Amino acid sequence: VPHKTSLPEGIRVGNVLRVRGVIPDKAGRFHVNLLCSEEQEADAALHFNPRLDASEVVFNSKEKGSWGREERGSGVPFQRGQPFEVLLIATDDGFKAVVGDEPYHHFRHRLPLASVRLLEVGGDVQLHSVKVF
């Protein structure tokens, strides 16, 4: 970590991004970003940010250098020291986040799906696999 997967074809409705790993015992935060370029200040179509230090999961986007309005999922489905699996499913109107087997949050698109070019995972996480299908 950080892990980056280039998505030259972008993302389409029906694509699933699967992230598997373990939350370290002393984890604070980690993130999964869907970025619109590989530049330092790239726009983010999705910022998925479990914050174990604050007991919340934040969803957001970034456009032209400015973060949008934060959305929060209900509860924190992640535990320190435990494995996890997150599915981010691209739908017509947003990203459906599924944690384990449970639907968790639906984040409506703020930037076009087709603009996504990079999947990035970083922060306090031990990654086992990242897959896009």
N, C-alpha and C. Protein backbone atom coordinates (compact mmCIF):
# COMPACT_ATOMS: atom_id res chain seq x y z
N VAL A 1 0.87 -1.16 0.00
CA VAL A 1 0.00 0.00 0.00
C VAL A 1 0.92 1.22 0.00
N PRO A 2 0.71 2.24 -0.77
CA PRO A 2 -0.46 2.40 -1.63
C PRO A 2 -0.43 1.47 -2.84
N HIS A 3 -1.63 1.11 -3.29
CA HIS A 3 -1.80 0.26 -4.44
C HIS A 3 -2.55 1.06 -5.50
N LYS A 4 -2.08 0.96 -6.75
CA LYS A 4 -2.77 1.66 -7.84
C LYS A 4 -3.01 0.69 -8.99
N THR A 5 -4.24 0.72 -9.51
CA THR A 5 -4.59 -0.07 -10.68
C THR A 5 -5.08 0.89 -11.76
N SER A 6 -4.38 0.91 -12.88
CA SER A 6 -4.77 1.76 -13.99
C SER A 6 -6.03 1.19 -14.65
N LEU A 7 -6.96 2.06 -15.00
CA LEU A 7 -8.21 1.66 -15.66
C LEU A 7 -8.35 2.44 -16.97
N PRO A 8 -7.53 2.10 -17.98
CA PRO A 8 -7.51 2.89 -19.22
C PRO A 8 -8.87 2.92 -19.92
N GLU A 9 -9.68 1.89 -19.72
CA GLU A 9 -11.00 1.85 -20.36
C GLU A 9 -12.07 2.49 -19.50
N GLY A 10 -11.68 2.95 -18.30
CA GLY A 10 -12.65 3.54 -17.38
C GLY A 10 -13.50 2.47 -16.71
N ILE A 11 -14.63 2.90 -16.21
CA ILE A 11 -15.56 2.01 -15.51
C ILE A 11 -16.90 2.12 -16.22
N ARG A 12 -17.59 1.01 -16.30
CA ARG A 12 -18.92 1.00 -16.91
C ARG A 12 -19.93 0.45 -15.91
N VAL A 13 -21.19 0.77 -16.15
CA VAL A 13 -22.27 0.23 -15.33
C VAL A 13 -22.14 -1.29 -15.33
N GLY A 14 -22.21 -1.88 -14.15
CA GLY A 14 -22.08 -3.34 -14.01
C GLY A 14 -20.70 -3.78 -13.56
N ASN A 15 -19.69 -2.91 -13.71
CA ASN A 15 -18.36 -3.27 -13.21
C ASN A 15 -18.39 -3.39 -11.69
N VAL A 16 -17.60 -4.34 -11.18
CA VAL A 16 -17.47 -4.54 -9.75
C VAL A 16 -15.99 -4.40 -9.39
N LEU A 17 -15.72 -3.60 -8.37
CA LEU A 17 -14.36 -3.46 -7.85
C LEU A 17 -14.35 -4.15 -6.51
N ARG A 18 -13.51 -5.16 -6.39
CA ARG A 18 -13.45 -5.94 -5.15
C ARG A 18 -12.11 -5.71 -4.46
N VAL A 19 -12.18 -5.30 -3.20
CA VAL A 19 -10.99 -5.07 -2.39
C VAL A 19 -11.06 -6.00 -1.19
N ARG A 20 -10.02 -6.83 -1.02
CA ARG A 20 -9.95 -7.74 0.12
C ARG A 20 -8.67 -7.47 0.89
N GLY A 21 -8.78 -7.58 2.20
CA GLY A 21 -7.59 -7.37 3.02
C GLY A 21 -7.89 -7.59 4.48
N VAL A 22 -6.99 -7.08 5.31
CA VAL A 22 -7.12 -7.17 6.76
C VAL A 22 -6.88 -5.77 7.32
N ILE A 23 -7.68 -5.42 8.33
CA ILE A 23 -7.49 -4.15 9.03
C ILE A 23 -6.45 -4.39 10.12
N PRO A 24 -5.31 -3.69 10.08
CA PRO A 24 -4.30 -3.88 11.13
C PRO A 24 -4.84 -3.53 12.52
N ASP A 25 -4.22 -4.10 13.56
CA ASP A 25 -4.67 -3.88 14.94
C ASP A 25 -4.67 -2.42 15.36
N LYS A 26 -3.75 -1.64 14.83
CA LYS A 26 -3.65 -0.23 15.24
C LYS A 26 -4.11 0.71 14.12
N ALA A 27 -4.96 0.22 13.24
CA ALA A 27 -5.39 1.01 12.08
C ALA A 27 -6.15 2.26 12.49
N GLY A 28 -5.89 3.35 11.75
CA GLY A 28 -6.65 4.59 11.92
C GLY A 28 -7.65 4.72 10.79
N ARG A 29 -7.13 4.88 9.56
CA ARG A 29 -7.98 5.09 8.39
C ARG A 29 -7.37 4.43 7.16
N PHE A 30 -8.23 4.08 6.22
CA PHE A 30 -7.76 3.71 4.89
C PHE A 30 -8.74 4.26 3.88
N HIS A 31 -8.36 4.20 2.60
CA HIS A 31 -9.24 4.73 1.57
C HIS A 31 -9.16 3.92 0.29
N VAL A 32 -10.26 3.96 -0.44
CA VAL A 32 -10.32 3.46 -1.81
C VAL A 32 -10.80 4.64 -2.64
N ASN A 33 -9.98 5.05 -3.60
CA ASN A 33 -10.33 6.19 -4.46
C ASN A 33 -10.48 5.74 -5.90
N LEU A 34 -11.49 6.26 -6.57
CA LEU A 34 -11.63 6.12 -8.01
C LEU A 34 -11.31 7.49 -8.59
N LEU A 35 -10.12 7.59 -9.18
CA LEU A 35 -9.59 8.87 -9.65
C LEU A 35 -9.74 9.02 -11.15
N CYS A 36 -9.81 10.29 -11.59
CA CYS A 36 -10.04 10.59 -13.00
C CYS A 36 -8.74 10.75 -13.78
N SER A 37 -7.60 10.73 -13.11
CA SER A 37 -6.30 10.77 -13.78
C SER A 37 -5.24 10.30 -12.79
N GLU A 38 -4.00 10.24 -13.25
CA GLU A 38 -2.91 9.83 -12.37
C GLU A 38 -2.16 11.03 -11.79
N GLU A 39 -2.68 12.24 -12.01
CA GLU A 39 -2.04 13.44 -11.51
C GLU A 39 -2.22 13.55 -9.99
N GLN A 40 -1.36 14.34 -9.37
CA GLN A 40 -1.35 14.50 -7.92
C GLN A 40 -2.70 14.99 -7.38
N GLU A 41 -3.28 15.99 -8.00
CA GLU A 41 -4.55 16.57 -7.53
C GLU A 41 -5.73 16.11 -8.39
N ALA A 42 -5.75 14.87 -8.75
CA ALA A 42 -6.78 14.35 -9.64
C ALA A 42 -8.17 14.45 -9.02
N ASP A 43 -9.18 14.66 -9.89
CA ASP A 43 -10.56 14.58 -9.44
C ASP A 43 -10.83 13.15 -8.97
N ALA A 44 -11.71 13.02 -7.99
CA ALA A 44 -12.09 11.70 -7.47
C ALA A 44 -13.59 11.50 -7.65
N ALA A 45 -13.96 10.51 -8.47
CA ALA A 45 -15.37 10.18 -8.66
C ALA A 45 -15.92 9.54 -7.40
N LEU A 46 -15.05 8.84 -6.66
CA LEU A 46 -15.45 8.22 -5.39
C LEU A 46 -14.26 8.19 -4.45
N HIS A 47 -14.50 8.63 -3.22
CA HIS A 47 -13.53 8.52 -2.12
C HIS A 47 -14.28 7.75 -1.03
N PHE A 48 -13.85 6.50 -0.82
CA PHE A 48 -14.45 5.61 0.19
C PHE A 48 -13.44 5.55 1.33
N ASN A 49 -13.81 6.03 2.53
CA ASN A 49 -12.83 6.28 3.57
C ASN A 49 -13.28 5.78 4.95
N PRO A 50 -13.07 4.47 5.23
CA PRO A 50 -13.33 3.97 6.59
C PRO A 50 -12.36 4.62 7.57
N ARG A 51 -12.93 5.24 8.62
CA ARG A 51 -12.15 5.92 9.64
C ARG A 51 -12.40 5.21 10.98
N LEU A 52 -11.55 4.23 11.27
CA LEU A 52 -11.72 3.49 12.51
C LEU A 52 -11.43 4.38 13.72
N ASP A 53 -10.56 5.37 13.53
CA ASP A 53 -10.23 6.28 14.63
C ASP A 53 -11.40 7.20 14.98
N ALA A 54 -12.35 7.35 14.08
CA ALA A 54 -13.50 8.22 14.32
C ALA A 54 -14.82 7.44 14.28
N SER A 55 -14.74 6.12 14.12
CA SER A 55 -15.92 5.24 14.05
C SER A 55 -16.94 5.71 13.02
N GLU A 56 -16.44 5.94 11.80
CA GLU A 56 -17.33 6.34 10.71
C GLU A 56 -16.73 5.91 9.38
N VAL A 57 -17.60 5.84 8.36
CA VAL A 57 -17.16 5.59 6.99
C VAL A 57 -17.67 6.75 6.15
N VAL A 58 -16.74 7.47 5.52
CA VAL A 58 -17.09 8.66 4.75
C VAL A 58 -17.00 8.35 3.25
N PHE A 59 -17.99 8.85 2.52
CA PHE A 59 -18.01 8.80 1.06
C PHE A 59 -17.98 10.24 0.56
N ASN A 60 -17.20 10.49 -0.50
CA ASN A 60 -17.15 11.84 -1.03
C ASN A 60 -16.64 11.80 -2.47
N SER A 61 -16.55 12.97 -3.07
CA SER A 61 -15.94 13.14 -4.39
C SER A 61 -15.14 14.43 -4.34
N LYS A 62 -14.21 14.56 -5.30
CA LYS A 62 -13.41 15.78 -5.39
C LYS A 62 -13.41 16.24 -6.84
N GLU A 63 -13.74 17.52 -7.02
CA GLU A 63 -13.81 18.08 -8.38
C GLU A 63 -13.11 19.42 -8.40
N LYS A 64 -12.18 19.57 -9.36
CA LYS A 64 -11.41 20.81 -9.52
C LYS A 64 -10.74 21.22 -8.20
N GLY A 65 -10.21 20.25 -7.48
CA GLY A 65 -9.46 20.53 -6.26
C GLY A 65 -10.29 20.71 -5.00
N SER A 66 -11.62 20.65 -5.12
CA SER A 66 -12.47 20.85 -3.95
C SER A 66 -13.27 19.60 -3.63
N TRP A 67 -13.28 19.25 -2.33
CA TRP A 67 -14.08 18.12 -1.88
C TRP A 67 -15.55 18.51 -1.88
N GLY A 68 -16.40 17.53 -2.16
CA GLY A 68 -17.84 17.75 -2.12
C GLY A 68 -18.37 17.56 -0.71
N ARG A 69 -19.68 17.39 -0.62
CA ARG A 69 -20.33 17.17 0.68
C ARG A 69 -20.11 15.72 1.09
N GLU A 70 -19.65 15.53 2.32
CA GLU A 70 -19.42 14.17 2.83
C GLU A 70 -20.74 13.46 3.09
N GLU A 71 -20.76 12.18 2.76
CA GLU A 71 -21.87 11.31 3.14
C GLU A 71 -21.29 10.24 4.06
N ARG A 72 -22.10 9.78 5.00
CA ARG A 72 -21.64 8.75 5.94
C ARG A 72 -22.52 7.53 5.86
N GLY A 73 -21.89 6.37 5.88
CA GLY A 73 -22.64 5.13 5.96
C GLY A 73 -23.10 4.94 7.40
N SER A 74 -24.02 4.02 7.61
CA SER A 74 -24.50 3.79 8.99
C SER A 74 -23.64 2.73 9.66
N GLY A 75 -23.05 3.12 10.79
CA GLY A 75 -22.20 2.18 11.51
C GLY A 75 -20.87 1.97 10.80
N VAL A 76 -20.01 1.19 11.42
CA VAL A 76 -18.69 0.87 10.85
C VAL A 76 -18.57 -0.64 10.74
N PRO A 77 -18.67 -1.17 9.51
CA PRO A 77 -18.64 -2.63 9.34
C PRO A 77 -17.22 -3.20 9.28
N PHE A 78 -16.25 -2.47 9.79
CA PHE A 78 -14.85 -2.90 9.79
C PHE A 78 -14.37 -2.99 11.23
N GLN A 79 -13.53 -4.00 11.50
CA GLN A 79 -12.97 -4.14 12.84
C GLN A 79 -11.47 -4.37 12.74
N ARG A 80 -10.75 -3.71 13.62
CA ARG A 80 -9.29 -3.90 13.66
C ARG A 80 -8.97 -5.37 13.87
N GLY A 81 -7.96 -5.84 13.14
CA GLY A 81 -7.51 -7.23 13.28
C GLY A 81 -8.35 -8.22 12.49
N GLN A 82 -9.35 -7.73 11.76
CA GLN A 82 -10.25 -8.64 11.04
C GLN A 82 -10.11 -8.49 9.52
N PRO A 83 -10.30 -9.61 8.80
CA PRO A 83 -10.33 -9.52 7.34
C PRO A 83 -11.61 -8.83 6.88
N PHE A 84 -11.58 -8.30 5.66
CA PHE A 84 -12.76 -7.66 5.10
C PHE A 84 -12.80 -7.87 3.59
N GLU A 85 -13.99 -7.68 3.03
CA GLU A 85 -14.17 -7.65 1.59
C GLU A 85 -15.15 -6.52 1.29
N VAL A 86 -14.76 -5.62 0.40
CA VAL A 86 -15.62 -4.52 -0.03
C VAL A 86 -15.85 -4.69 -1.53
N LEU A 87 -17.12 -4.60 -1.93
CA LEU A 87 -17.47 -4.55 -3.35
C LEU A 87 -18.01 -3.15 -3.62
N LEU A 88 -17.48 -2.51 -4.64
CA LEU A 88 -18.01 -1.24 -5.13
C LEU A 88 -18.58 -1.53 -6.50
N ILE A 89 -19.90 -1.47 -6.60
CA ILE A 89 -20.60 -1.88 -7.82
C ILE A 89 -21.09 -0.62 -8.54
N ALA A 90 -20.67 -0.46 -9.79
CA ALA A 90 -21.09 0.70 -10.59
C ALA A 90 -22.50 0.47 -11.10
N THR A 91 -23.42 1.36 -10.72
CA THR A 91 -24.81 1.28 -11.18
C THR A 91 -25.10 2.50 -12.07
N ASP A 92 -26.29 2.54 -12.64
CA ASP A 92 -26.67 3.67 -13.48
C ASP A 92 -26.55 5.00 -12.76
N ASP A 93 -26.91 5.01 -11.48
CA ASP A 93 -26.97 6.29 -10.79
C ASP A 93 -25.95 6.46 -9.67
N GLY A 94 -25.09 5.47 -9.45
CA GLY A 94 -24.09 5.63 -8.39
C GLY A 94 -23.24 4.41 -8.17
N PHE A 95 -22.59 4.39 -7.02
CA PHE A 95 -21.79 3.24 -6.59
C PHE A 95 -22.49 2.61 -5.40
N LYS A 96 -22.72 1.31 -5.50
CA LYS A 96 -23.30 0.57 -4.39
C LYS A 96 -22.14 -0.10 -3.65
N ALA A 97 -21.99 0.26 -2.37
CA ALA A 97 -20.94 -0.34 -1.55
C ALA A 97 -21.53 -1.50 -0.78
N VAL A 98 -20.88 -2.67 -0.91
CA VAL A 98 -21.30 -3.87 -0.19
C VAL A 98 -20.10 -4.30 0.65
N VAL A 99 -20.32 -4.47 1.95
CA VAL A 99 -19.25 -4.90 2.85
C VAL A 99 -19.62 -6.27 3.39
N GLY A 100 -18.74 -7.26 3.14
CA GLY A 100 -19.10 -8.64 3.46
C GLY A 100 -20.26 -9.03 2.55
N ASP A 101 -21.37 -9.44 3.11
CA ASP A 101 -22.54 -9.80 2.31
C ASP A 101 -23.64 -8.76 2.42
N GLU A 102 -23.37 -7.63 3.11
CA GLU A 102 -24.42 -6.67 3.41
C GLU A 102 -24.29 -5.40 2.57
N PRO A 103 -25.38 -5.01 1.89
CA PRO A 103 -25.37 -3.69 1.25
C PRO A 103 -25.13 -2.64 2.33
N TYR A 104 -24.25 -1.67 2.05
CA TYR A 104 -23.85 -0.72 3.08
C TYR A 104 -24.30 0.71 2.78
N HIS A 105 -24.02 1.19 1.56
CA HIS A 105 -24.34 2.58 1.24
C HIS A 105 -24.41 2.73 -0.28
N HIS A 106 -25.24 3.66 -0.74
CA HIS A 106 -25.31 3.97 -2.17
C HIS A 106 -24.89 5.42 -2.34
N PHE A 107 -23.79 5.62 -3.07
CA PHE A 107 -23.24 6.95 -3.30
C PHE A 107 -23.57 7.36 -4.72
N ARG A 108 -24.39 8.38 -4.89
CA ARG A 108 -24.81 8.82 -6.22
C ARG A 108 -23.66 9.46 -6.98
N HIS A 109 -23.63 9.19 -8.30
CA HIS A 109 -22.58 9.76 -9.15
C HIS A 109 -22.60 11.28 -9.09
N ARG A 110 -21.41 11.86 -8.95
CA ARG A 110 -21.23 13.31 -9.06
C ARG A 110 -20.36 13.65 -10.26
N LEU A 111 -19.56 12.69 -10.69
CA LEU A 111 -18.71 12.81 -11.88
C LEU A 111 -19.03 11.63 -12.79
N PRO A 112 -18.85 11.79 -14.09
CA PRO A 112 -19.19 10.69 -15.01
C PRO A 112 -18.34 9.43 -14.76
N LEU A 113 -19.01 8.29 -14.78
CA LEU A 113 -18.31 7.01 -14.62
C LEU A 113 -17.17 6.89 -15.62
N ALA A 114 -17.43 7.31 -16.84
CA ALA A 114 -16.45 7.15 -17.93
C ALA A 114 -15.17 7.93 -17.68
N SER A 115 -15.19 8.87 -16.73
CA SER A 115 -13.99 9.68 -16.48
C SER A 115 -12.98 8.97 -15.56
N VAL A 116 -13.40 7.87 -14.92
CA VAL A 116 -12.52 7.16 -13.98
C VAL A 116 -11.38 6.49 -14.74
N ARG A 117 -10.14 6.68 -14.26
CA ARG A 117 -8.96 6.10 -14.92
C ARG A 117 -8.05 5.34 -13.97
N LEU A 118 -8.28 5.46 -12.64
CA LEU A 118 -7.34 4.88 -11.69
C LEU A 118 -8.06 4.46 -10.42
N LEU A 119 -7.75 3.27 -9.95
CA LEU A 119 -8.23 2.78 -8.66
C LEU A 119 -7.04 2.82 -7.71
N GLU A 120 -7.20 3.48 -6.58
CA GLU A 120 -6.12 3.63 -5.62
C GLU A 120 -6.59 3.18 -4.24
N VAL A 121 -5.75 2.40 -3.55
CA VAL A 121 -6.04 1.98 -2.19
C VAL A 121 -4.83 2.38 -1.34
N GLY A 122 -5.10 3.03 -0.20
CA GLY A 122 -4.00 3.45 0.64
C GLY A 122 -4.43 3.58 2.10
N GLY A 123 -3.47 3.89 2.95
CA GLY A 123 -3.75 4.07 4.37
C GLY A 123 -3.43 2.83 5.17
N ASP A 124 -4.10 2.71 6.32
CA ASP A 124 -3.83 1.63 7.27
C ASP A 124 -4.59 0.36 6.89
N VAL A 125 -4.04 -0.39 5.96
CA VAL A 125 -4.71 -1.61 5.49
C VAL A 125 -3.65 -2.57 4.95
N GLN A 126 -3.88 -3.86 5.18
CA GLN A 126 -3.04 -4.90 4.56
C GLN A 126 -3.87 -5.47 3.43
N LEU A 127 -3.46 -5.19 2.20
CA LEU A 127 -4.22 -5.65 1.04
C LEU A 127 -3.90 -7.10 0.71
N HIS A 128 -4.94 -7.87 0.40
CA HIS A 128 -4.74 -9.21 -0.12
C HIS A 128 -4.97 -9.25 -1.61
N SER A 129 -6.03 -8.55 -2.07
CA SER A 129 -6.28 -8.51 -3.51
C SER A 129 -7.17 -7.34 -3.87
N VAL A 130 -6.97 -6.86 -5.09
CA VAL A 130 -7.80 -5.82 -5.69
C VAL A 130 -8.15 -6.34 -7.08
N LYS A 131 -9.44 -6.42 -7.37
CA LYS A 131 -9.84 -6.97 -8.66
C LYS A 131 -10.97 -6.13 -9.24
N VAL A 132 -10.92 -5.92 -10.55
CA VAL A 132 -11.99 -5.21 -11.26
C VAL A 132 -12.56 -6.19 -12.27
N PHE A 133 -13.86 -6.42 -12.22
CA PHE A 133 -14.48 -7.32 -13.20
C PHE A 133 -15.87 -6.83 -13.55
